[in-house]
Amino acid sequence: MQKILIVHTGGGLGDLLLSTPVIETLAYNFPQAKIDFLAKKSTSPAVKNHPLLNKIITLENSEPTWKEIFDLSKKLRQEEYDASLVLWSKTKIAFMLLLAGIPVRIGQDSRLSYSWTYTHKVKVRSEHGDTQTPWGEILLDYVRILNLKIPDYTYKFVIPQEAQIKADKLLKDLPHLSGPIVGIHPSKGIADPDRRWPVDIFAQYAKILVEKLQARLIITGGPQEKDMISKLIELSGVPSLNLAGKTGVDTLAAITQKCQVFICPDSGPMHLASICGTPVVGIYALKEDFPQRWAPVGKNSLSIIPRPNTCPRHCIKAQCPDFQCYRQITPQQILQAVEDILARTLDNKED
């Protein structure tokens, strides 16, 4: 194969970050091939700097119109791709690749509306009862169906130098304390975070880390979470560096690399920090979080899960009224996890 298109237009930042072994595996098996990647504009920063990609194509809208699909299919036909791998299938995307005339089209099985359009149909393990296999491994099934060799792979995110420079400037305002640098990204990309999200429990996490460890806290969040982060810092009553709305994906990655520990609910920023090599405390409070599937991939990371989990059986993030499950994760548990990671990191340095 000389030209391959990877398509991933669903999910969030973390989903794309965990798809990078697919890029690496295709490049390993087809070293002369040009590999392009089609993603949503909002999540494309996850792969835009990947050294093995030839080109990034972006969808302006998460849910494109049929006209946009037809127009893009014409452009893709001109590229003369040999194969396409759809890592998150949708009806419009499947038809787009069919209309583009790509001879090898790999996508999900079990969908009456579009699976028939694929030449190779993948049985997605997570849709057939598998809750244990890591998501990156599941995505590699789209490569395995071609009987390709899977090399020793890594998850990759490349941080540009300008993002490193910006991060260094932002970190000049770190609190003047004596403890470790600890990042907290206290959100999970929900609607109306000020109304529903348990900001006070994350404020307690911040408070205990400063009181017990003299931690130099960095609190991160998106532009839509500025008010929530300000409220968290006010409730905590401890000094911290508020970076809400001040970092894009590249700069956030650079910031996480400066942290000795990064605390975050299961989300894109958690996976970003982990892939960038920072030990992570991942909080998996919701039953839909599937901690084995979405575990942080980096070394010395820890996952915290409520035991027992008191969420309803069908616990769905978008519908949760108050996220009481997060209150089962105590500040003492967060403190212990951070202390354990710091101790492991010290032991590894001494070895």
Protein backbone atom coordinates (compact mmCIF):
# COMPACT_ATOMS: atom_id res chain seq x y z
CA MET A 1 0.00 0.00 0.00
CA GLN A 2 1.24 3.46 -0.89
CA LYS A 3 -1.41 5.72 0.61
CA ILE A 4 -3.55 5.09 3.69
CA LEU A 5 -6.24 7.15 5.43
CA ILE A 6 -7.03 6.75 9.13
CA VAL A 7 -10.44 8.16 10.07
CA HIS A 8 -11.32 9.00 13.67
CA THR A 9 -14.11 11.57 13.93
CA GLY A 10 -15.77 10.46 17.16
CA GLY A 11 -15.00 10.62 20.86
CA GLY A 12 -12.67 13.07 22.50
CA LEU A 13 -9.01 13.95 22.81
CA GLY A 14 -8.16 10.79 24.73
CA ASP A 15 -9.67 8.54 22.06
CA LEU A 16 -7.37 10.01 19.43
CA LEU A 17 -4.31 9.92 21.69
CA LEU A 18 -4.85 6.20 22.25
CA SER A 19 -5.06 5.60 18.50
CA THR A 20 -1.42 6.53 17.89
CA PRO A 21 -0.22 2.87 17.98
CA VAL A 22 -2.34 2.34 14.85
CA ILE A 23 -0.28 5.01 13.08
CA GLU A 24 2.96 3.42 14.26
CA THR A 25 1.90 -0.08 13.24
CA LEU A 26 0.86 0.97 9.74
CA ALA A 27 4.14 2.85 9.28
CA TYR A 28 6.07 -0.22 10.46
CA ASN A 29 4.34 -2.51 7.94
CA PHE A 30 4.26 0.00 5.07
CA PRO A 31 7.37 2.17 5.56
CA GLN A 32 7.05 3.82 2.13
CA ALA A 33 3.37 4.66 2.50
CA LYS A 34 1.95 8.13 3.08
CA ILE A 35 -0.45 8.03 6.04
CA ASP A 36 -3.09 10.72 6.38
CA PHE A 37 -5.46 11.24 9.30
CA LEU A 38 -9.04 12.59 9.21
CA ALA A 39 -10.32 13.94 12.54
CA LYS A 40 -12.66 16.49 14.04
CA LYS A 41 -11.13 19.94 14.25
CA SER A 42 -11.63 19.91 18.03
CA THR A 43 -9.64 16.71 18.60
CA SER A 44 -7.10 16.92 15.76
CA PRO A 45 -4.43 18.54 18.03
CA ALA A 46 -3.94 15.07 19.51
CA VAL A 47 -2.21 13.91 16.33
CA LYS A 48 -1.29 17.07 14.43
CA ASN A 49 2.41 16.86 15.41
CA HIS A 50 2.80 13.12 14.93
CA PRO A 51 6.03 12.54 12.97
CA LEU A 52 4.70 9.55 11.00
CA LEU A 53 1.70 11.35 9.52
CA ASN A 54 1.79 12.95 6.09
CA LYS A 55 -1.26 15.17 6.42
CA ILE A 56 -4.13 15.99 8.80
CA ILE A 57 -7.60 16.52 7.33
CA THR A 58 -10.18 18.08 9.63
CA LEU A 59 -13.95 18.16 9.80
CA GLU A 60 -15.17 21.59 10.80
CA ASN A 61 -18.35 20.17 12.34
CA SER A 62 -18.67 17.16 14.60
CA GLU A 63 -21.84 16.20 12.74
CA PRO A 64 -21.27 17.18 9.09
CA THR A 65 -24.15 17.66 6.69
CA TRP A 66 -24.66 15.31 3.77
CA LYS A 67 -23.47 18.07 1.46
CA GLU A 68 -20.21 18.31 3.41
CA ILE A 69 -19.87 14.54 3.23
CA PHE A 70 -20.39 14.50 -0.56
CA ASP A 71 -17.91 17.34 -1.05
CA LEU A 72 -15.28 15.67 1.09
CA SER A 73 -15.77 12.32 -0.64
CA LYS A 74 -14.87 14.00 -3.94
CA LYS A 75 -11.66 15.38 -2.43
CA LEU A 76 -10.76 11.99 -0.96
CA ARG A 77 -11.36 10.30 -4.33
CA GLN A 78 -8.74 12.60 -5.85
CA GLU A 79 -6.21 11.44 -3.23
CA GLU A 80 -6.43 7.85 -4.55
CA TYR A 81 -6.07 6.12 -1.19
CA ASP A 82 -5.38 2.39 -1.21
CA ALA A 83 -7.02 1.79 2.17
CA SER A 84 -8.97 3.50 4.93
CA LEU A 85 -9.38 2.49 8.57
CA VAL A 86 -12.39 3.94 10.39
CA LEU A 87 -11.66 3.81 14.13
CA TRP A 88 -15.01 5.32 15.14
CA SER A 89 -17.74 4.42 12.70
CA LYS A 90 -20.72 6.59 11.78
CA THR A 91 -23.17 6.20 8.93
CA LYS A 92 -22.13 9.34 7.05
CA ILE A 93 -18.44 8.53 7.36
CA ALA A 94 -18.95 5.00 6.03
CA PHE A 95 -20.82 6.27 3.00
CA MET A 96 -18.23 9.00 2.43
CA LEU A 97 -15.47 6.40 2.05
CA LEU A 98 -17.66 4.27 -0.20
CA LEU A 99 -18.33 7.28 -2.44
CA ALA A 100 -14.60 8.12 -2.39
CA GLY A 101 -13.94 4.78 -4.08
CA ILE A 102 -11.28 3.64 -1.61
CA PRO A 103 -10.78 -0.07 -2.41
CA VAL A 104 -9.97 -1.31 1.12
CA ARG A 105 -12.38 0.06 3.74
CA ILE A 106 -12.00 -1.24 7.29
CA GLY A 107 -14.69 -0.49 9.87
CA GLN A 108 -17.00 -1.76 12.56
CA ASP A 109 -19.28 -4.75 12.11
CA SER A 110 -22.82 -5.24 13.51
CA ARG A 111 -24.36 -2.05 12.09
CA LEU A 112 -27.22 -2.63 9.69
CA SER A 113 -27.10 0.90 8.29
CA TYR A 114 -23.48 0.95 7.18
CA SER A 115 -21.33 -2.09 8.04
CA TRP A 116 -22.09 -3.56 4.62
CA THR A 117 -20.13 -0.67 3.05
CA TYR A 118 -16.87 -1.94 4.56
CA THR A 119 -14.71 -4.50 2.80
CA HIS A 120 -13.25 -5.63 6.15
CA LYS A 121 -15.53 -5.69 9.21
CA VAL A 122 -14.03 -5.55 12.71
CA LYS A 123 -15.77 -7.03 15.72
CA VAL A 124 -15.24 -4.28 18.30
CA ARG A 125 -14.52 -6.07 21.57
CA SER A 126 -15.96 -3.35 23.79
CA GLU A 127 -19.33 -3.80 22.08
CA HIS A 128 -19.34 -7.52 22.78
CA GLY A 129 -18.85 -7.58 26.55
CA ASP A 130 -15.11 -6.87 26.88
CA THR A 131 -14.47 -4.34 29.68
CA GLN A 132 -10.85 -5.27 30.41
CA THR A 133 -8.80 -4.83 27.22
CA PRO A 134 -7.09 -1.42 26.97
CA TRP A 135 -8.61 0.82 24.32
CA GLY A 136 -5.35 1.12 22.40
CA GLU A 137 -5.28 -2.67 22.00
CA ILE A 138 -8.89 -2.70 20.84
CA LEU A 139 -8.10 -0.15 18.15
CA LEU A 140 -5.23 -2.30 16.89
CA ASP A 141 -7.83 -4.88 15.81
CA TYR A 142 -8.42 -2.59 12.81
CA VAL A 143 -4.85 -3.38 11.79
CA ARG A 144 -4.89 -7.04 12.79
CA ILE A 145 -7.70 -7.75 10.34
CA LEU A 146 -5.13 -7.19 7.56
CA ASN A 147 -2.85 -9.83 9.15
CA LEU A 148 -0.13 -7.28 9.76
CA LYS A 149 2.65 -7.62 12.31
CA ILE A 150 2.13 -5.58 15.48
CA PRO A 151 5.50 -4.18 16.62
CA ASP A 152 6.40 -3.03 20.10
CA TYR A 153 4.47 0.21 20.03
CA THR A 154 4.30 3.39 22.04
CA TYR A 155 1.72 6.10 22.59
CA LYS A 156 3.09 9.33 21.20
CA PHE A 157 2.47 13.03 21.55
CA VAL A 158 5.06 15.50 20.31
CA ILE A 159 5.29 18.82 22.18
CA PRO A 160 6.46 21.73 19.98
CA GLN A 161 9.24 23.94 21.31
CA GLU A 162 6.99 27.01 21.36
CA ALA A 163 4.63 25.20 23.74
CA GLN A 164 7.54 24.40 26.05
CA ILE A 165 8.54 28.08 26.06
CA LYS A 166 4.98 29.18 26.85
CA ALA A 167 4.72 26.63 29.66
CA ASP A 168 7.94 27.89 31.23
CA LYS A 169 6.59 31.45 31.20
CA LEU A 170 3.30 30.41 32.80
CA LEU A 171 5.08 28.43 35.52
CA LYS A 172 6.99 31.48 36.72
CA ASP A 173 3.90 32.26 38.81
CA LEU A 174 3.94 28.96 40.72
CA PRO A 175 3.21 29.31 44.46
CA HIS A 176 6.35 29.79 46.55
CA LEU A 177 6.13 26.58 48.54
CA SER A 178 8.65 23.82 49.15
CA GLY A 179 6.76 20.73 48.00
CA PRO A 180 6.29 18.83 44.73
CA ILE A 181 4.65 20.33 41.67
CA VAL A 182 1.21 18.73 41.42
CA GLY A 183 -1.26 19.36 38.61
CA ILE A 184 -5.00 19.00 39.00
CA HIS A 185 -7.37 18.98 36.05
CA PRO A 186 -10.64 18.79 38.00
CA SER A 187 -13.14 18.33 35.18
CA LYS A 188 -14.44 15.78 32.75
CA GLY A 189 -15.88 17.82 29.90
CA ILE A 190 -19.48 18.00 31.10
CA ALA A 191 -22.16 20.54 30.30
CA ASP A 192 -23.06 23.11 33.00
CA PRO A 193 -20.05 22.31 35.26
CA ASP A 194 -20.96 25.10 37.71
CA ARG A 195 -24.35 23.55 38.38
CA ARG A 196 -23.59 19.84 38.60
CA TRP A 197 -19.91 19.17 39.17
CA PRO A 198 -18.76 18.52 42.79
CA VAL A 199 -16.25 21.38 42.82
CA ASP A 200 -16.00 21.32 46.60
CA ILE A 201 -14.55 17.79 46.74
CA PHE A 202 -11.77 18.77 44.32
CA ALA A 203 -11.16 21.84 46.48
CA GLN A 204 -10.63 19.47 49.40
CA TYR A 205 -8.09 17.51 47.34
CA ALA A 206 -6.18 20.74 46.70
CA LYS A 207 -6.35 21.77 50.35
CA ILE A 208 -4.94 18.55 51.78
CA LEU A 209 -2.09 18.43 49.25
CA VAL A 210 -0.91 21.88 50.25
CA GLU A 211 -1.41 21.35 53.97
CA LYS A 212 0.34 17.96 54.11
CA LEU A 213 2.90 18.18 51.31
CA GLN A 214 3.35 21.92 50.72
CA ALA A 215 2.47 21.05 47.11
CA ARG A 216 2.91 23.69 44.44
CA LEU A 217 -0.47 23.32 42.75
CA ILE A 218 -1.32 23.94 39.11
CA ILE A 219 -5.05 23.92 38.32
CA THR A 220 -5.93 23.52 34.64
CA GLY A 221 -9.19 23.67 32.71
CA GLY A 222 -10.75 24.78 29.47
CA PRO A 223 -12.08 28.28 28.67
CA GLN A 224 -15.61 27.20 29.58
CA GLU A 225 -14.39 26.12 33.02
CA LYS A 226 -12.84 29.38 34.20
CA ASP A 227 -15.62 30.16 36.69
CA MET A 228 -15.55 26.62 38.05
CA ILE A 229 -11.78 26.72 38.58
CA SER A 230 -11.99 30.11 40.29
CA LYS A 231 -14.64 28.73 42.63
CA LEU A 232 -12.50 25.67 43.37
CA ILE A 233 -9.49 27.80 44.28
CA GLU A 234 -11.63 30.04 46.47
CA LEU A 235 -13.13 27.05 48.29
CA SER A 236 -9.73 25.41 48.80
CA GLY A 237 -8.28 28.46 50.55
CA VAL A 238 -4.76 27.48 49.47
CA PRO A 239 -2.38 29.08 46.96
CA SER A 240 -2.37 27.63 43.45
CA LEU A 241 -1.59 28.61 39.87
CA ASN A 242 -4.82 29.06 37.90
CA LEU A 243 -4.25 28.15 34.24
CA ALA A 244 -7.89 27.67 33.24
CA GLY A 245 -8.35 28.81 29.66
CA LYS A 246 -4.67 29.67 29.26
CA THR A 247 -3.42 26.51 27.57
CA GLY A 248 -4.14 24.78 24.30
CA VAL A 249 -3.44 21.06 23.97
CA ASP A 250 0.27 21.55 23.18
CA THR A 251 0.87 23.87 26.14
CA LEU A 252 -1.17 21.69 28.48
CA ALA A 253 1.05 18.76 27.51
CA ALA A 254 4.15 20.83 28.29
CA ILE A 255 2.64 21.87 31.63
CA THR A 256 1.91 18.27 32.61
CA GLN A 257 5.53 17.33 31.91
CA LYS A 258 6.62 19.84 34.55
CA CYS A 259 4.42 18.14 37.16
CA GLN A 260 5.65 15.38 39.42
CA VAL A 261 2.09 14.09 39.68
CA PHE A 262 -1.04 14.94 37.68
CA ILE A 263 -4.50 14.33 39.18
CA CYS A 264 -7.47 14.05 36.87
CA PRO A 265 -10.75 12.21 36.30
CA ASP A 266 -10.67 9.82 33.36
CA SER A 267 -10.49 12.27 30.45
CA GLY A 268 -8.37 13.52 27.57
CA PRO A 269 -6.01 15.59 29.76
CA MET A 270 -5.36 12.54 31.94
CA HIS A 271 -4.30 10.49 28.92
CA LEU A 272 -2.28 13.41 27.58
CA ALA A 273 -0.31 13.71 30.83
CA SER A 274 0.24 9.95 31.01
CA ILE A 275 1.45 9.69 27.41
CA CYS A 276 3.80 12.64 28.03
CA GLY A 277 5.44 10.62 30.81
CA THR A 278 3.94 12.21 33.92
CA PRO A 279 2.73 9.87 36.69
CA VAL A 280 -1.04 10.19 36.92
CA VAL A 281 -3.66 9.71 39.63
CA GLY A 282 -6.67 8.76 37.51
CA ILE A 283 -10.09 9.02 39.16
CA TYR A 284 -12.62 6.51 37.81
CA ALA A 285 -15.78 7.30 39.73
CA LEU A 286 -18.47 6.63 37.13
CA LYS A 287 -19.47 3.11 36.18
CA GLU A 288 -19.09 4.10 32.52
CA ASP A 289 -15.42 4.95 33.12
CA PHE A 290 -14.24 1.30 32.74
CA PRO A 291 -10.89 1.70 34.56
CA GLN A 292 -9.20 -1.31 32.91
CA ARG A 293 -10.09 -0.13 29.41
CA TRP A 294 -9.11 3.50 30.01
CA ALA A 295 -6.25 3.09 32.49
CA PRO A 296 -3.35 5.57 32.18
CA VAL A 297 -0.63 4.11 29.98
CA GLY A 298 2.36 5.73 31.69
CA LYS A 299 4.61 4.35 34.40
CA ASN A 300 4.02 4.81 38.13
CA SER A 301 0.40 5.87 37.62
CA LEU A 302 -2.47 4.87 39.89
CA SER A 303 -6.21 4.47 39.31
CA ILE A 304 -8.68 5.26 42.08
CA ILE A 305 -12.08 3.55 41.97
CA PRO A 306 -14.93 3.88 44.52
CA ARG A 307 -15.46 0.63 46.42
CA PRO A 308 -18.28 -0.11 46.51
CA ASN A 309 -19.48 2.08 43.67
CA THR A 310 -22.89 3.44 44.64
CA CYS A 311 -23.76 4.82 41.20
CA PRO A 312 -26.92 3.46 39.55
CA ARG A 313 -26.37 0.49 37.26
CA HIS A 314 -26.61 2.61 34.11
CA CYS A 315 -24.42 5.52 35.18
CA ILE A 316 -24.11 7.91 32.25
CA LYS A 317 -22.03 11.08 32.54
CA ALA A 318 -24.34 13.25 30.47
CA GLN A 319 -27.35 12.40 32.63
CA CYS A 320 -25.83 12.43 36.12
CA PRO A 321 -27.57 15.08 38.28
CA ASP A 322 -24.87 15.60 40.93
CA PHE A 323 -21.88 13.22 40.51
CA GLN A 324 -22.16 11.99 44.09
CA CYS A 325 -19.85 9.09 43.17
CA TYR A 326 -16.88 11.48 43.33
CA ARG A 327 -17.60 12.07 47.01
CA GLN A 328 -16.66 8.44 47.63
CA ILE A 329 -13.07 9.37 46.73
CA THR A 330 -11.76 11.00 49.90
CA PRO A 331 -9.02 13.64 50.16
CA GLN A 332 -7.01 11.12 52.21
CA GLN A 333 -7.11 8.66 49.29
CA ILE A 334 -5.81 11.32 46.90
CA LEU A 335 -3.06 12.29 49.34
CA GLN A 336 -2.02 8.65 49.79
CA ALA A 337 -1.92 8.08 46.03
CA VAL A 338 0.26 11.15 45.48
CA GLU A 339 2.61 10.10 48.29
CA ASP A 340 2.85 6.58 46.84
CA ILE A 341 3.72 7.91 43.38
CA LEU A 342 6.34 10.30 44.76
CA ALA A 343 7.90 7.44 46.73
CA ARG A 344 7.99 5.17 43.66
CA THR A 345 9.54 7.91 41.55
CA LEU A 346 12.24 8.46 44.18
CA ASP A 347 12.94 4.72 44.37
CA ASN A 348 13.30 4.53 40.59
CA LYS A 349 15.80 7.40 40.59
CA GLU A 350 17.88 5.72 43.31
CA ASP A 351 17.89 2.43 41.37
